[in-house]
C-alpha cells in the first residue's frame, strides 16, 4: 500500500476564484490541470495506481490569490468554504482519500488559529498546510505561537509548503527567468523557514509538534554538515543572534533539524531520497509525490517517487514504513478497503 500524503486539489471555491481572473499566467495553468480540480477524473487516475491512496492538500493560497484578496476580511470565509469542500470530498470518497489537510487565512494569525482548530475538531482534518515564506508569513514570530500551540494540543500536523514567487517581497528579481524561483528558490525558502522556527525555539516550546516539510526538507539533509558546524561560526555573526540562540536553546541546532518529518517528493532523484532517509531516518520520511503538479496528472510524479523509494531504501521494513506505515503512525490514518474499480471514461 502507498499513502500519498501530499497531493493537491483545488476546491470548487478556489476554482471559481481562478475562473474570475484574467486569462493567462498561473490561474490558467492551474485550471488546465484537470486532475487538480476534476474529482471523478482524479479517482480514475488513482485507480490506475495499485493499492494507492491520496491525502488531499490545498493549493497554497499565496499562489492563487493576490495580495489584496489575501488581506481582505472576506478571505477567511473563502478558506472556510475551501476546507468544508475538501472535507466533504474526502468523506465521500474515503476509500481513495483517507484524509485531508486544511488551509488557513495565514496573514491573520488569530483567524488562522481559529480555522485550524475548527478544521481538526469539526471537520476531522489531519492538520493544516502553512506557507513557508519568512518575509510575507513570518511563522517564527510570536504572533503565530497560538497556532503552533493549538496544533500540538490537537495532536494534528503541519504541512510546510514553499510558495513565494518573484513578485513577492524578499525574492531576488534575477530568479524570475527559467523558473529559478521555484526549482531552486523553493527548497531554499523551506530551509530558511524551518531554520527560523528552530532558532525561535519551536521544538523547546512544543516538543510533540509534528512539522512535515515538503520536498524532503529542502536542502537541510544535503547541507547537514554545514548546519552542524554553525556553533563554531557564531563569532562571525555581527548581530549576535546565533550566540544568543545557542545559549537559549536546549540542544544543538542539528538535533532539532532531525526532529522534522519530511516527504519523499524528489521528482526522480533517487540519490536525493537516499540522502533524506540517511539524515532524518526512515521513520521520519513519508511518501508524498506532489501530484498532480507534474503536468501529467500525477502519472510521472507518483511512479517516479515510488521508484525513488524502492531504489534508495534497502530494507522492505523501511520501504513499508515510508510508503504507508509512517502516515498511519504519525497521522493516525486508517485506510478503508477500496470499492469496485471505476470504469475508464
Protein backbone atom coordinates (compact mmCIF):
# COMPACT_ATOMS: atom_id res chain seq x y z
CA UNK A 1 0.00 0.00 0.00
CA UNK A 2 1.06 3.59 -0.65
CA UNK A 3 -0.43 6.57 1.19
CA UNK A 4 0.50 9.75 -0.66
CA UNK A 5 0.42 12.49 1.96
CA UNK A 6 0.93 15.45 -0.39
CA UNK A 7 -1.47 15.63 -3.36
CA UNK A 8 -3.03 18.97 -4.22
CA UNK A 9 -6.68 19.50 -5.05
CA UNK A 10 -8.45 22.73 -5.99
CA UNK A 11 -11.74 23.10 -4.14
CA UNK A 12 -14.76 24.45 -6.08
CA UNK A 13 -14.48 27.81 -4.31
CA UNK A 14 -10.84 28.15 -5.39
CA UNK A 15 -11.79 27.13 -8.94
CA UNK A 16 -14.44 29.84 -9.08
CA UNK A 17 -11.89 32.40 -7.96
CA UNK A 18 -9.37 31.31 -10.58
CA UNK A 19 -12.05 31.40 -13.28
CA UNK A 20 -12.75 35.01 -12.35
CA UNK A 21 -9.16 36.03 -13.08
CA UNK A 22 -7.83 37.27 -16.39
CA UNK A 23 -6.72 34.56 -18.79
CA UNK A 24 -3.06 33.63 -18.78
CA UNK A 25 -0.50 33.21 -16.04
CA UNK A 26 -0.73 30.83 -13.11
CA UNK A 27 -4.55 30.79 -12.99
CA UNK A 28 -4.74 29.36 -16.49
CA UNK A 29 -2.00 26.84 -15.72
CA UNK A 30 -3.82 25.57 -12.63
CA UNK A 31 -7.18 25.29 -14.39
CA UNK A 32 -5.57 23.43 -17.29
CA UNK A 33 -4.54 20.65 -14.89
CA UNK A 34 -7.71 18.56 -14.99
CA UNK A 35 -6.60 16.28 -12.16
CA UNK A 36 -6.23 19.34 -9.96
CA UNK A 37 -9.97 20.01 -9.85
CA UNK A 38 -11.96 17.21 -11.58
CA UNK A 39 -12.64 14.73 -8.77
CA UNK A 40 -14.08 11.95 -10.96
CA UNK A 41 -11.05 12.14 -13.25
CA UNK A 42 -8.81 12.11 -10.19
CA UNK A 43 -10.49 8.96 -8.87
CA UNK A 44 -9.94 7.11 -12.12
CA UNK A 45 -6.28 8.11 -12.14
CA UNK A 46 -5.88 6.89 -8.56
CA UNK A 47 -7.40 3.56 -9.60
CA UNK A 48 -4.65 3.19 -12.18
CA UNK A 49 -2.13 3.05 -9.32
CA UNK A 50 -2.02 -0.26 -7.49
CA UNK A 51 -3.19 -0.07 -3.84
CA UNK A 52 -2.72 3.69 -3.67
CA UNK A 53 -4.43 6.38 -1.54
CA UNK A 54 -4.17 10.18 -1.56
CA UNK A 55 -4.32 12.69 1.28
CA UNK A 56 -5.84 15.86 -0.17
CA UNK A 57 -3.88 19.07 0.38
CA UNK A 58 -4.93 22.56 -0.70
CA UNK A 59 -3.26 24.76 -3.24
CA UNK A 60 -1.20 27.35 -1.30
CA UNK A 61 -3.39 30.44 -1.26
CA UNK A 62 -0.42 32.72 -1.93
CA UNK A 63 -0.18 31.13 -5.39
CA UNK A 64 -3.84 31.65 -6.27
CA UNK A 65 -4.84 34.94 -4.63
CA UNK A 66 -3.32 38.38 -4.97
CA UNK A 67 -2.20 40.48 -2.01
CA UNK A 68 -5.44 42.46 -1.89
CA UNK A 69 -7.56 39.31 -1.76
CA UNK A 70 -5.36 37.71 0.89
CA UNK A 71 -5.65 40.79 3.11
CA UNK A 72 -9.42 41.08 2.70
CA UNK A 73 -11.64 40.21 5.70
CA UNK A 74 -13.70 38.10 3.28
CA UNK A 75 -10.77 35.78 2.61
CA UNK A 76 -11.33 33.91 5.87
CA UNK A 77 -14.75 32.84 4.60
CA UNK A 78 -13.24 31.66 1.31
CA UNK A 79 -10.81 29.49 3.28
CA UNK A 80 -13.64 28.10 5.41
CA UNK A 81 -15.55 27.08 2.29
CA UNK A 82 -12.41 25.52 0.82
CA UNK A 83 -11.96 23.42 3.94
CA UNK A 84 -15.62 22.42 4.07
CA UNK A 85 -15.43 21.31 0.44
CA UNK A 86 -12.22 19.33 0.83
CA UNK A 87 -13.64 17.62 3.92
CA UNK A 88 -16.79 16.66 2.02
CA UNK A 89 -14.81 15.26 -0.92
CA UNK A 90 -12.59 13.20 1.37
CA UNK A 91 -15.59 11.88 3.32
CA UNK A 92 -17.47 10.98 0.13
CA UNK A 93 -14.51 9.05 -1.28
CA UNK A 94 -12.79 7.76 1.85
CA UNK A 95 -11.63 4.61 0.05
CA UNK A 96 -9.45 6.80 -2.19
CA UNK A 97 -8.83 9.84 0.05
CA UNK A 98 -8.21 8.74 3.66
CA UNK A 99 -7.85 12.31 4.90
CA UNK A 100 -7.41 15.95 4.03
CA UNK A 101 -5.34 18.91 5.14
CA UNK A 102 -6.91 22.30 5.79
CA UNK A 103 -5.90 25.78 4.68
CA UNK A 104 -5.78 28.89 6.88
CA UNK A 105 -6.10 32.65 6.33
CA UNK A 106 -2.42 32.73 7.15
CA UNK A 107 -1.87 36.52 7.10
CA UNK A 108 -4.21 36.84 10.10
CA UNK A 109 -2.66 34.70 12.87
CA UNK A 110 -5.75 34.81 15.09
CA UNK A 111 -8.10 33.83 12.27
CA UNK A 112 -5.62 31.16 11.13
CA UNK A 113 -5.57 29.64 14.61
CA UNK A 114 -9.35 29.67 14.86
CA UNK A 115 -9.76 28.00 11.46
CA UNK A 116 -7.06 25.42 12.18
CA UNK A 117 -8.87 24.39 15.36
CA UNK A 118 -12.22 24.20 13.55
CA UNK A 119 -10.66 22.17 10.74
CA UNK A 120 -9.30 19.49 13.04
CA UNK A 121 -12.06 19.39 15.66
CA UNK A 122 -15.15 19.78 13.48
CA UNK A 123 -14.09 18.62 10.03
CA UNK A 124 -11.63 15.89 11.02
CA UNK A 125 -8.63 17.35 9.18
CA UNK A 126 -5.27 15.67 9.71
CA UNK A 127 -3.77 19.13 10.17
CA UNK A 128 -3.19 22.31 8.21
CA UNK A 129 -0.86 23.45 5.47
CA UNK A 130 1.13 26.62 6.15
CA UNK A 131 3.04 28.68 3.62
CA UNK A 132 6.81 28.82 4.10
CA UNK A 133 7.59 32.47 3.31
CA UNK A 134 9.68 34.05 6.05
CA UNK A 135 9.19 37.55 4.61
CA UNK A 136 5.46 37.58 3.94
CA UNK A 137 4.48 34.94 6.51
CA UNK A 138 6.99 35.07 9.39
CA UNK A 139 5.84 31.91 11.18
CA UNK A 140 8.74 32.19 13.62
CA UNK A 141 7.31 35.37 15.16
CA UNK A 142 5.40 35.32 18.45
CA UNK A 143 2.06 36.16 16.81
CA UNK A 144 1.92 32.65 15.31
CA UNK A 145 2.67 30.94 18.62
CA UNK A 146 -1.03 30.21 19.42
CA UNK A 147 -1.37 28.43 16.08
CA UNK A 148 1.51 26.03 16.76
CA UNK A 149 0.34 25.52 20.34
CA UNK A 150 -3.16 24.62 19.17
CA UNK A 151 -1.92 22.12 16.56
CA UNK A 152 0.32 20.42 19.11
CA UNK A 153 -2.51 20.12 21.64
CA UNK A 154 -4.82 18.70 18.98
CA UNK A 155 -2.12 16.12 18.08
CA UNK A 156 -2.52 17.20 14.46
CA UNK A 157 0.26 18.02 12.00
CA UNK A 158 1.52 20.98 10.00
CA UNK A 159 2.44 20.64 6.34
CA UNK A 160 5.04 23.32 5.41
CA UNK A 161 4.80 24.30 1.74
CA UNK A 162 7.04 26.81 -0.09
CA UNK A 163 5.06 29.36 -2.08
CA UNK A 164 7.00 32.55 -2.79
CA UNK A 165 7.02 33.97 -6.32
CA UNK A 166 9.31 36.65 -7.82
CA UNK A 167 6.72 39.37 -7.30
CA UNK A 168 6.54 38.75 -3.55
CA UNK A 169 8.82 40.69 -1.17
CA UNK A 170 12.25 39.28 -0.46
CA UNK A 171 12.80 37.28 -3.62
CA UNK A 172 15.77 38.29 -5.76
CA UNK A 173 14.42 39.66 -9.09
CA UNK A 174 17.05 37.74 -11.04
CA UNK A 175 15.39 34.44 -10.06
CA UNK A 176 12.41 35.18 -12.31
CA UNK A 177 13.86 33.71 -15.55
CA UNK A 178 13.92 29.97 -16.15
CA UNK A 179 11.67 29.18 -13.16
CA UNK A 180 14.70 29.51 -10.85
CA UNK A 181 12.43 30.95 -8.12
CA UNK A 182 10.53 27.65 -7.99
CA UNK A 183 13.04 24.99 -8.94
CA UNK A 184 15.86 26.27 -6.71
CA UNK A 185 14.25 29.03 -4.65
CA UNK A 186 11.56 26.93 -3.02
CA UNK A 187 13.88 24.39 -1.36
CA UNK A 188 15.90 27.36 -0.08
CA UNK A 189 12.74 29.06 1.26
CA UNK A 190 11.69 25.87 3.01
CA UNK A 191 15.10 25.58 4.64
CA UNK A 192 15.12 29.19 5.85
CA UNK A 193 11.57 28.98 7.24
CA UNK A 194 12.39 25.81 9.17
CA UNK A 195 15.68 27.23 10.43
CA UNK A 196 13.99 30.35 11.78
CA UNK A 197 11.36 28.23 13.52
CA UNK A 198 14.07 26.09 15.09
CA UNK A 199 16.14 29.05 16.26
CA UNK A 200 13.00 30.65 17.68
CA UNK A 201 12.77 27.63 19.98
CA UNK A 202 9.73 25.97 18.40
CA UNK A 203 10.72 22.46 19.49
CA UNK A 204 11.69 23.53 23.02
CA UNK A 205 8.24 25.03 23.45
CA UNK A 206 6.41 22.28 21.55
CA UNK A 207 8.36 19.02 21.77
CA UNK A 208 5.45 16.99 20.39
CA UNK A 209 4.76 19.23 17.40
CA UNK A 210 4.59 17.36 14.09
CA UNK A 211 6.10 19.52 11.34
CA UNK A 212 6.19 17.95 7.86
CA UNK A 213 8.46 19.70 5.36
CA UNK A 214 7.88 19.41 1.63
CA UNK A 215 10.43 18.18 -0.94
CA UNK A 216 12.50 16.19 1.52
CA UNK A 217 13.07 19.15 3.83
CA UNK A 218 14.61 21.48 1.25
CA UNK A 219 18.40 21.48 1.34
CA UNK A 220 18.68 20.51 5.03
CA UNK A 221 19.83 16.89 4.60
CA UNK A 222 22.15 17.77 1.72
CA UNK A 223 23.90 20.55 3.68
CA UNK A 224 23.72 18.93 7.10
CA UNK A 225 27.48 19.24 7.57
CA UNK A 226 27.27 23.00 7.22
CA UNK A 227 24.37 23.11 9.69
CA UNK A 228 26.32 21.02 12.19
CA UNK A 229 29.24 23.46 12.14
CA UNK A 230 27.07 26.53 12.82
CA UNK A 231 28.00 26.79 16.53
CA UNK A 232 31.67 27.11 15.59
CA UNK A 233 30.91 30.17 13.45
CA UNK A 234 28.96 32.24 15.97
CA UNK A 235 31.83 34.72 16.19
CA UNK A 236 31.29 35.64 12.55
CA UNK A 237 27.70 36.78 13.21
CA UNK A 238 27.79 40.56 13.85
CA UNK A 239 24.17 40.56 15.05
CA UNK A 240 24.93 38.17 17.89
CA UNK A 241 21.71 36.30 17.13
CA UNK A 242 23.41 32.92 16.76
CA UNK A 243 25.27 33.27 20.06
CA UNK A 244 22.05 34.28 21.80
CA UNK A 245 20.17 31.31 20.30
CA UNK A 246 22.90 28.83 21.24
CA UNK A 247 22.67 29.96 24.88
CA UNK A 248 18.89 29.76 24.86
CA UNK A 249 18.26 26.50 23.02
CA UNK A 250 18.29 23.26 24.98
CA UNK A 251 20.02 21.20 22.27
CA UNK A 252 22.49 21.58 19.44
CA UNK A 253 20.87 23.06 16.30
CA UNK A 254 21.48 19.91 14.24
CA UNK A 255 19.47 17.85 16.74
CA UNK A 256 16.36 19.95 16.14
CA UNK A 257 16.58 19.59 12.37
CA UNK A 258 16.42 15.83 12.81
CA UNK A 259 13.04 16.18 14.56
CA UNK A 260 11.33 17.15 11.31
CA UNK A 261 9.12 14.86 9.31
CA UNK A 262 9.57 15.15 5.55
CA UNK A 263 8.09 13.76 2.36
CA UNK A 264 9.87 11.95 -0.48
CA UNK A 265 8.86 14.31 -3.30
CA UNK A 266 12.22 14.49 -5.05
CA UNK A 267 10.82 14.03 -8.60
CA UNK A 268 13.11 11.27 -9.79
CA UNK A 269 16.08 11.98 -7.58
CA UNK A 270 16.75 8.56 -6.07
CA UNK A 271 20.06 9.73 -4.62
CA UNK A 272 18.17 12.62 -3.00
CA UNK A 273 15.71 10.27 -1.30
CA UNK A 274 18.64 8.19 -0.03
CA UNK A 275 20.21 11.33 1.47
CA UNK A 276 16.90 12.36 3.03
CA UNK A 277 16.40 8.96 4.67
CA UNK A 278 20.03 8.80 5.83
CA UNK A 279 19.74 12.15 7.59
CA UNK A 280 16.22 12.07 9.06
CA UNK A 281 15.83 8.32 9.41
CA UNK A 282 13.32 6.18 7.54
CA UNK A 283 10.87 6.56 10.43
CA UNK A 284 10.51 10.29 9.67
CA UNK A 285 10.05 10.10 5.89
CA UNK A 286 6.54 9.84 4.43
CA UNK A 287 5.56 9.01 0.88
CA UNK A 288 4.47 12.23 -0.81
CA UNK A 289 4.54 12.90 -4.53
CA UNK A 290 3.24 16.49 -5.03
CA UNK A 291 0.81 15.13 -7.64
CA UNK A 292 -0.68 16.32 -9.92
CA UNK A 293 1.83 19.16 -10.42
CA UNK A 294 3.90 17.21 -12.92
CA UNK A 295 1.65 18.46 -15.73
CA UNK A 296 0.79 14.81 -16.40
CA UNK A 297 -1.97 14.33 -13.83
CA UNK A 298 0.45 12.63 -11.45
CA UNK A 299 1.35 9.88 -13.94
CA UNK A 300 5.00 10.95 -13.69
CA UNK A 301 5.38 12.02 -10.06
CA UNK A 302 3.67 9.03 -8.44
CA UNK A 303 5.59 6.24 -10.26
CA UNK A 304 8.88 8.14 -10.07
CA UNK A 305 8.54 8.80 -6.35
CA UNK A 306 7.66 5.13 -5.88
CA UNK A 307 10.74 4.10 -7.86
CA UNK A 308 12.90 6.52 -5.86
CA UNK A 309 11.86 4.93 -2.58
CA UNK A 310 12.22 1.40 -3.92
CA UNK A 311 15.69 2.14 -5.28
CA UNK A 312 17.01 4.23 -2.40
CA UNK A 313 15.74 2.33 0.65
CA UNK A 314 17.39 -1.02 1.28
CA UNK A 315 15.05 -2.92 3.60
CA UNK A 316 11.44 -3.91 2.99
CA UNK A 317 10.54 -2.77 6.51
CA UNK A 318 11.84 0.75 5.88
CA UNK A 319 10.15 0.91 2.48
CA UNK A 320 6.83 -0.14 4.02
CA UNK A 321 7.24 2.50 6.72
CA UNK A 322 7.76 5.22 4.13
CA UNK A 323 5.03 4.01 1.78
CA UNK A 324 2.31 3.79 4.42
CA UNK A 325 3.41 2.87 7.96
CA UNK A 326 4.67 6.30 8.97
CA UNK A 327 1.50 8.00 7.70
CA UNK A 328 -0.60 5.58 9.71
CA UNK A 329 1.53 6.03 12.83
CA UNK A 330 2.20 9.78 12.69
CA UNK A 331 -1.10 10.97 11.19
CA UNK A 332 -3.42 8.30 12.53
CA UNK A 333 -4.61 7.32 9.04
CA UNK A 334 -6.63 4.13 8.79
CA UNK A 335 -7.33 3.35 5.12
CA UNK A 336 -10.66 1.73 4.30
CA UNK A 337 -10.98 -1.01 1.65
CA UNK A 338 -11.31 0.12 -1.94
CA UNK A 339 -14.70 -0.15 -3.57
CA UNK A 340 -15.15 -1.67 -7.02
CA UNK A 341 -12.76 -0.30 -9.61
CA UNK A 342 -14.23 2.56 -11.63
CA UNK A 343 -14.61 2.08 -15.39
CA UNK A 344 -12.48 4.28 -17.63
CA UNK A 345 -14.16 7.30 -19.20
